[in-house]
């Protein structure tokens, strides 16, 4: 209960592997200004009451790899990439209970592949984060406030809302919303593409 910043704060060129991290009101694994580090086969869980603490938090970090890992927050989102670029998240599970499960904010050129992202709010939120690619992943509700992002070969089992931005692409994917709208593109969004997909 005394950890208030992070369970593990990672430096550049480091490896966090085969680890289990549980914290309360702190980040689980925090990469701040970090490059070329790897998180592999690890789990991180946040079970406190703070909505601004994440099991996985990449802040201004680039060219890191997170793979075959699990991240869960019992009160809020599971992961945030804040001003992060050229990172890869693969073969991982992200579970949130409110807010955004996986939040890509600012930055861009990140890759999320072969992952499962779920939560009652926005499972994936792309906010002013451009040129990201999400592929071969399963997720619930997706919200986009950004440009030039690609979701491909994925399954979305709740609505996809493109609320602003241009040049976003949904391709070779399935959107299956149980009720209401499958895909909605807001008037503030333009020049977005849906191709070879099932809605």
Protein backbone atom coordinates (compact mmCIF):
# COMPACT_ATOMS: atom_id res chain seq x y z
CA UNK A 1 0.00 0.00 0.00
CA UNK A 2 3.02 2.32 0.29
CA UNK A 3 4.03 2.17 -3.39
CA UNK A 4 2.77 5.44 -4.88
CA UNK A 5 4.61 5.87 -8.20
CA UNK A 6 5.33 2.51 -9.84
CA UNK A 7 5.87 -1.12 -9.00
CA UNK A 8 8.67 -1.30 -11.58
CA UNK A 9 10.19 1.73 -13.28
CA UNK A 10 12.09 0.59 -16.35
CA UNK A 11 15.22 2.18 -17.81
CA UNK A 12 16.42 1.96 -21.41
CA UNK A 13 17.84 -1.28 -22.79
CA UNK A 14 16.24 -3.31 -20.00
CA UNK A 15 14.13 -6.47 -19.81
CA UNK A 16 11.20 -7.19 -17.49
CA UNK A 17 10.44 -10.87 -17.89
CA UNK A 18 8.46 -13.64 -16.20
CA UNK A 19 7.30 -11.21 -13.52
CA UNK A 20 4.07 -10.57 -11.62
CA UNK A 21 3.42 -7.05 -10.34
CA UNK A 22 0.44 -5.95 -8.25
CA UNK A 23 0.05 -2.39 -7.01
CA UNK A 24 -2.63 -0.15 -5.58
CA UNK A 25 -2.50 3.55 -6.46
CA UNK A 26 0.58 3.36 -8.66
CA UNK A 27 1.61 2.37 -12.14
CA UNK A 28 2.47 -1.30 -12.49
CA UNK A 29 5.22 -1.05 -15.12
CA UNK A 30 6.31 2.47 -16.03
CA UNK A 31 8.52 3.36 -18.98
CA UNK A 32 9.28 7.09 -18.99
CA UNK A 33 11.56 8.41 -21.74
CA UNK A 34 12.73 4.85 -22.29
CA UNK A 35 13.96 3.22 -25.50
CA UNK A 36 14.80 -0.33 -26.61
CA UNK A 37 13.38 -2.12 -23.56
CA UNK A 38 11.26 -5.29 -23.46
CA UNK A 39 8.42 -6.53 -21.26
CA UNK A 40 7.85 -10.24 -21.84
CA UNK A 41 5.69 -12.92 -20.24
CA UNK A 42 4.71 -10.71 -17.34
CA UNK A 43 1.51 -9.64 -15.60
CA UNK A 44 0.71 -6.32 -13.98
CA UNK A 45 -2.42 -5.41 -12.06
CA UNK A 46 -3.59 -2.16 -10.52
CA UNK A 47 -6.20 -2.56 -7.80
CA UNK A 48 -6.26 0.88 -6.19
CA UNK A 49 -8.68 3.77 -6.56
CA UNK A 50 -6.60 6.16 -8.69
CA UNK A 51 -7.90 6.65 -12.23
CA UNK A 52 -4.56 7.98 -13.52
CA UNK A 53 -2.46 4.94 -12.68
CA UNK A 54 -2.03 2.15 -15.21
CA UNK A 55 -0.70 -1.41 -15.06
CA UNK A 56 1.33 -0.46 -18.15
CA UNK A 57 2.36 3.16 -18.76
CA UNK A 58 4.62 4.22 -21.62
CA UNK A 59 5.35 7.92 -21.29
CA UNK A 60 7.38 9.58 -24.04
CA UNK A 61 9.04 6.26 -24.78
CA UNK A 62 9.99 4.78 -28.14
CA UNK A 63 11.02 1.52 -29.81
CA UNK A 64 10.07 -0.72 -26.90
CA UNK A 65 8.41 -4.16 -27.11
CA UNK A 66 5.67 -5.54 -24.88
CA UNK A 67 4.77 -9.14 -25.66
CA UNK A 68 2.95 -12.17 -24.26
CA UNK A 69 1.88 -10.25 -21.18
CA UNK A 70 -1.34 -9.44 -19.28
CA UNK A 71 -2.46 -6.12 -17.84
CA UNK A 72 -5.55 -5.60 -15.70
CA UNK A 73 -6.98 -2.66 -13.79
CA UNK A 74 -9.85 -3.23 -11.38
CA UNK A 75 -10.93 0.45 -11.37
CA UNK A 76 -9.83 2.07 -14.66
CA UNK A 77 -7.75 1.52 -17.80
CA UNK A 78 -5.11 -1.15 -18.34
CA UNK A 79 -2.51 0.75 -20.39
CA UNK A 80 -1.67 4.18 -21.69
CA UNK A 81 0.83 5.20 -24.35
CA UNK A 82 1.34 8.90 -23.68
CA UNK A 83 3.43 10.66 -26.32
CA UNK A 84 4.97 7.30 -27.16
CA UNK A 85 6.25 6.37 -30.64
CA UNK A 86 7.34 3.26 -32.56
CA UNK A 87 6.46 0.81 -29.78
CA UNK A 88 5.10 -2.70 -30.36
CA UNK A 89 2.50 -4.43 -28.21
CA UNK A 90 1.87 -8.03 -29.23
CA UNK A 91 0.22 -11.26 -28.05
CA UNK A 92 -1.02 -9.53 -24.92
CA UNK A 93 -4.28 -9.10 -23.00
CA UNK A 94 -5.55 -5.77 -21.69
CA UNK A 95 -8.55 -5.69 -19.33
CA UNK A 96 -10.08 -2.50 -17.97
CA UNK A 97 -13.13 -1.87 -15.84
CA UNK A 98 -13.88 1.76 -16.73
CA UNK A 99 -12.46 4.61 -18.81
CA UNK A 100 -10.25 3.49 -21.69
CA UNK A 101 -8.66 0.05 -21.53
CA UNK A 102 -5.84 0.87 -23.99
CA UNK A 103 -5.37 4.61 -24.55
CA UNK A 104 -3.02 5.89 -27.23
CA UNK A 105 -2.62 9.61 -26.57
CA UNK A 106 -0.37 11.89 -28.59
CA UNK A 107 2.68 10.28 -30.23
CA UNK A 108 2.10 7.69 -32.92
CA UNK A 109 3.55 5.03 -35.22
CA UNK A 110 2.87 2.34 -32.62
CA UNK A 111 1.84 -1.24 -33.46
CA UNK A 112 -0.66 -3.39 -31.57
CA UNK A 113 -0.95 -6.92 -32.90
CA UNK A 114 -2.42 -10.28 -31.92
CA UNK A 115 -3.88 -8.87 -28.72
CA UNK A 116 -7.16 -8.95 -26.77
CA UNK A 117 -8.49 -5.64 -25.44
CA UNK A 118 -11.70 -5.47 -23.43
CA UNK A 119 -13.56 -3.18 -21.07
CA UNK A 120 -17.02 -1.71 -20.50
CA UNK A 121 -16.05 1.72 -21.83
CA UNK A 122 -13.74 2.31 -24.81
CA UNK A 123 -11.53 -0.75 -25.09
CA UNK A 124 -9.31 1.15 -27.53
CA UNK A 125 -9.09 4.96 -27.58
CA UNK A 126 -6.97 6.69 -30.21
CA UNK A 127 -6.73 10.35 -29.24
CA UNK A 128 -4.51 12.75 -31.22
CA UNK A 129 -2.22 9.78 -31.84
CA UNK A 130 -1.56 9.17 -35.52
CA UNK A 131 -0.17 6.52 -37.86
CA UNK A 132 -0.74 3.61 -35.49
CA UNK A 133 -1.53 0.09 -36.73
CA UNK A 134 -3.78 -2.37 -34.92
CA UNK A 135 -3.86 -5.82 -36.50
CA UNK A 136 -5.10 -9.34 -35.80
CA UNK A 137 -6.62 -8.21 -32.52
CA UNK A 138 -9.96 -8.61 -30.76
CA UNK A 139 -11.49 -5.68 -28.94
CA UNK A 140 -14.74 -4.20 -27.72
CA UNK A 141 -15.81 -0.58 -28.25
CA UNK A 142 -13.31 1.54 -30.24
CA UNK A 143 -13.23 5.35 -30.34
CA UNK A 144 -11.04 7.38 -32.70
CA UNK A 145 -10.18 11.08 -32.34
CA UNK A 146 -7.07 10.94 -34.52
CA UNK A 147 -5.78 10.59 -38.08
CA UNK A 148 -4.13 8.03 -40.34
CA UNK A 149 -4.61 5.03 -38.09
CA UNK A 150 -5.20 1.54 -39.48
CA UNK A 151 -7.24 -1.29 -37.97
CA UNK A 152 -6.86 -4.44 -40.04
CA UNK A 153 -7.64 -8.15 -39.80
CA UNK A 154 -9.32 -7.58 -36.46
CA UNK A 155 -12.61 -8.34 -34.72
CA UNK A 156 -14.50 -5.54 -32.93
CA UNK A 157 -17.48 -6.83 -30.97
CA UNK A 158 -18.93 -3.44 -30.02
CA UNK A 159 -19.30 -0.18 -31.95
CA UNK A 160 -16.49 1.59 -33.79
CA UNK A 161 -16.84 5.38 -33.56
CA UNK A 162 -14.63 7.59 -35.72
CA UNK A 163 -15.41 10.90 -34.05
CA UNK A 164 -12.77 13.14 -35.63
CA UNK A 165 -9.69 12.90 -37.80
CA UNK A 166 -8.90 11.98 -41.40
CA UNK A 167 -7.33 9.10 -43.27
CA UNK A 168 -8.22 6.34 -40.83
CA UNK A 169 -8.70 2.87 -42.35
CA UNK A 170 -10.68 -0.18 -41.29
CA UNK A 171 -9.88 -3.14 -43.53
CA UNK A 172 -10.35 -6.89 -43.62
CA UNK A 173 -12.13 -6.75 -40.28
CA UNK A 174 -15.44 -7.60 -38.65
CA UNK A 175 -17.52 -5.26 -36.50
CA UNK A 176 -20.34 -6.97 -34.61
CA UNK A 177 -22.24 -4.64 -32.30
CA UNK A 178 -24.99 -6.40 -30.28
CA UNK A 179 -27.33 -3.39 -30.48
CA UNK A 180 -27.49 0.00 -32.14
CA UNK A 181 -24.78 1.10 -34.57
CA UNK A 182 -21.87 -0.97 -35.81
CA UNK A 183 -19.73 1.81 -37.29
CA UNK A 184 -20.43 5.53 -36.92
CA UNK A 185 -18.39 8.27 -38.59
CA UNK A 186 -19.02 11.70 -37.07
CA UNK A 187 -19.42 14.83 -39.25
CA UNK A 188 -16.16 16.14 -37.79
CA UNK A 189 -14.30 13.19 -39.40
CA UNK A 190 -13.48 13.08 -43.12
CA UNK A 191 -11.75 10.96 -45.76
CA UNK A 192 -11.86 7.79 -43.68
CA UNK A 193 -12.07 4.36 -45.38
CA UNK A 194 -13.83 1.08 -44.65
CA UNK A 195 -12.81 -1.67 -47.05
CA UNK A 196 -13.26 -5.44 -47.37
CA UNK A 197 -14.90 -5.59 -43.95
CA UNK A 198 -18.06 -7.10 -42.51
CA UNK A 199 -20.31 -4.92 -40.34
